[in-house]
Amino acid sequence: MKKNPVILLVLGLALLAAGGLMSLTGGPPKADAALTSQCRERIKDQGSDMLAKCDEKAFAVTMTATDANSAAQAISAANNSELGSNSLSMFLIGLGGVLTVAGIFMLRKRSSTGL
């Protein structure tokens, strides 16, 4: 990598883009159609903002739960999957940032020494 800092720069920018895309497109896990319709039926008179939240798995499970333990397990599983994808996107953004800065630093160093 010391011989060609452009590769480092391009790799860093690609990782930044991938992490940013994952971060922007990611979000809470979506509920399946049956769970969403049950949730919407249950809270149909509470407003459109509440109906929109029925698409999120954790909210839909909470609103349609009959047993506290199974609801807690389903919400925990939904939150864990969201946490994993968020952590991966933040890791890619951090690694991409470091590689990009290192590539820029090496390019500037190379241009100042005349190599």
Protein backbone atom coordinates (compact mmCIF):
# COMPACT_ATOMS: atom_id res chain seq x y z
CA MET A 1 0.00 0.00 0.00
CA LYS A 2 2.93 2.36 0.47
CA LYS A 3 3.75 2.14 -3.23
CA ASN A 4 0.24 2.99 -4.43
CA PRO A 5 -1.79 5.15 -2.04
CA VAL A 6 -4.49 5.62 -4.69
CA ILE A 7 -5.65 2.04 -3.99
CA LEU A 8 -5.93 2.93 -0.32
CA LEU A 9 -7.93 6.04 -1.16
CA VAL A 10 -10.31 4.21 -3.52
CA LEU A 11 -10.82 1.36 -1.05
CA GLY A 12 -11.53 3.86 1.74
CA LEU A 13 -14.08 5.73 -0.36
CA ALA A 14 -15.78 2.46 -1.36
CA LEU A 15 -16.07 1.39 2.29
CA LEU A 16 -17.40 4.82 3.24
CA ALA A 17 -20.03 4.58 0.52
CA ALA A 18 -21.03 1.03 1.50
CA GLY A 19 -21.29 1.92 5.20
CA GLY A 20 -23.22 5.09 4.46
CA LEU A 21 -25.63 3.25 2.19
CA MET A 22 -26.20 0.56 4.81
CA SER A 23 -26.77 3.20 7.47
CA LEU A 24 -29.26 5.16 5.35
CA THR A 25 -31.23 2.19 4.05
CA GLY A 26 -31.23 0.23 7.30
CA GLY A 27 -33.79 0.63 9.99
CA PRO A 28 -36.00 -1.36 12.26
CA PRO A 29 -36.98 -4.82 11.01
CA LYS A 30 -40.28 -4.95 9.16
CA ALA A 31 -43.21 -6.96 10.46
CA ASP A 32 -44.84 -9.62 8.33
CA ALA A 33 -48.19 -8.91 6.66
CA ALA A 34 -50.35 -10.84 9.15
CA LEU A 35 -48.80 -9.15 12.17
CA THR A 36 -49.10 -5.73 10.53
CA SER A 37 -52.79 -6.22 9.76
CA GLN A 38 -53.50 -7.41 13.33
CA CYS A 39 -51.72 -4.36 14.72
CA ARG A 40 -53.60 -1.98 12.42
CA GLU A 41 -56.92 -3.56 13.35
CA ARG A 42 -56.15 -3.15 17.03
CA ILE A 43 -55.18 0.53 16.92
CA LYS A 44 -57.18 1.79 13.94
CA ASP A 45 -58.84 4.57 15.95
CA GLN A 46 -55.61 6.05 17.41
CA GLY A 47 -54.40 8.01 14.37
CA SER A 48 -52.38 7.59 11.22
CA ASP A 49 -49.00 8.04 12.90
CA MET A 50 -49.67 5.02 15.10
CA LEU A 51 -50.85 3.00 12.09
CA ALA A 52 -47.60 3.73 10.27
CA LYS A 53 -45.60 2.33 13.19
CA CYS A 54 -47.32 -1.05 12.74
CA ASP A 55 -44.82 -1.76 9.94
CA GLU A 56 -42.04 -2.04 12.55
CA LYS A 57 -41.76 -5.52 13.99
CA ALA A 58 -41.09 -4.53 17.60
CA PHE A 59 -44.06 -2.15 17.71
CA ALA A 60 -46.41 -4.61 16.01
CA VAL A 61 -45.43 -7.39 18.42
CA THR A 62 -45.97 -5.06 21.36
CA MET A 63 -49.44 -4.05 20.23
CA THR A 64 -50.62 -7.60 19.44
CA ALA A 65 -48.96 -9.46 22.32
CA THR A 66 -51.00 -11.77 24.51
CA ASP A 67 -48.08 -13.13 26.55
CA ALA A 68 -45.45 -10.84 28.04
CA ASN A 69 -42.58 -13.33 27.81
CA SER A 70 -43.06 -14.16 24.14
CA ALA A 71 -43.49 -10.46 23.34
CA ALA A 72 -40.27 -9.61 25.16
CA GLN A 73 -38.37 -12.33 23.28
CA ALA A 74 -39.70 -11.16 19.90
CA ILE A 75 -38.86 -7.53 20.63
CA SER A 76 -35.39 -8.50 21.82
CA ALA A 77 -34.74 -10.53 18.66
CA ALA A 78 -35.89 -7.62 16.48
CA ASN A 79 -33.66 -5.17 18.35
CA ASN A 80 -30.63 -7.49 18.15
CA SER A 81 -30.87 -7.76 14.38
CA GLU A 82 -31.11 -3.96 14.11
CA LEU A 83 -28.11 -3.54 16.40
CA GLY A 84 -26.00 -5.94 14.34
CA SER A 85 -26.63 -4.19 11.03
CA ASN A 86 -26.09 -0.76 12.59
CA SER A 87 -22.79 -1.88 14.12
CA LEU A 88 -21.58 -3.24 10.78
CA SER A 89 -22.42 -0.01 8.96
CA MET A 90 -20.65 2.08 11.61
CA PHE A 91 -17.58 -0.20 11.38
CA LEU A 92 -17.46 0.20 7.59
CA ILE A 93 -17.81 3.97 7.87
CA GLY A 94 -14.99 4.13 10.43
CA LEU A 95 -12.66 1.86 8.47
CA GLY A 96 -13.43 3.71 5.26
CA GLY A 97 -12.71 7.04 6.92
CA VAL A 98 -9.37 5.84 8.26
CA LEU A 99 -8.31 4.38 4.92
CA THR A 100 -9.39 7.51 3.05
CA VAL A 101 -7.47 9.82 5.38
CA ALA A 102 -4.42 7.53 5.20
CA GLY A 103 -4.57 7.52 1.40
CA ILE A 104 -4.84 11.31 1.24
CA PHE A 105 -1.97 11.68 3.72
CA MET A 106 0.23 9.30 1.73
CA LEU A 107 -0.59 11.06 -1.56
CA ARG A 108 0.34 14.44 -0.09
CA LYS A 109 3.51 13.04 1.40
CA ARG A 110 4.43 11.46 -1.92
CA SER A 111 3.78 14.69 -3.87
CA SER A 112 5.82 16.78 -1.41
CA THR A 113 8.83 14.44 -1.68
CA GLY A 114 8.60 14.33 -5.50
CA LEU A 115 8.44 10.53 -5.86
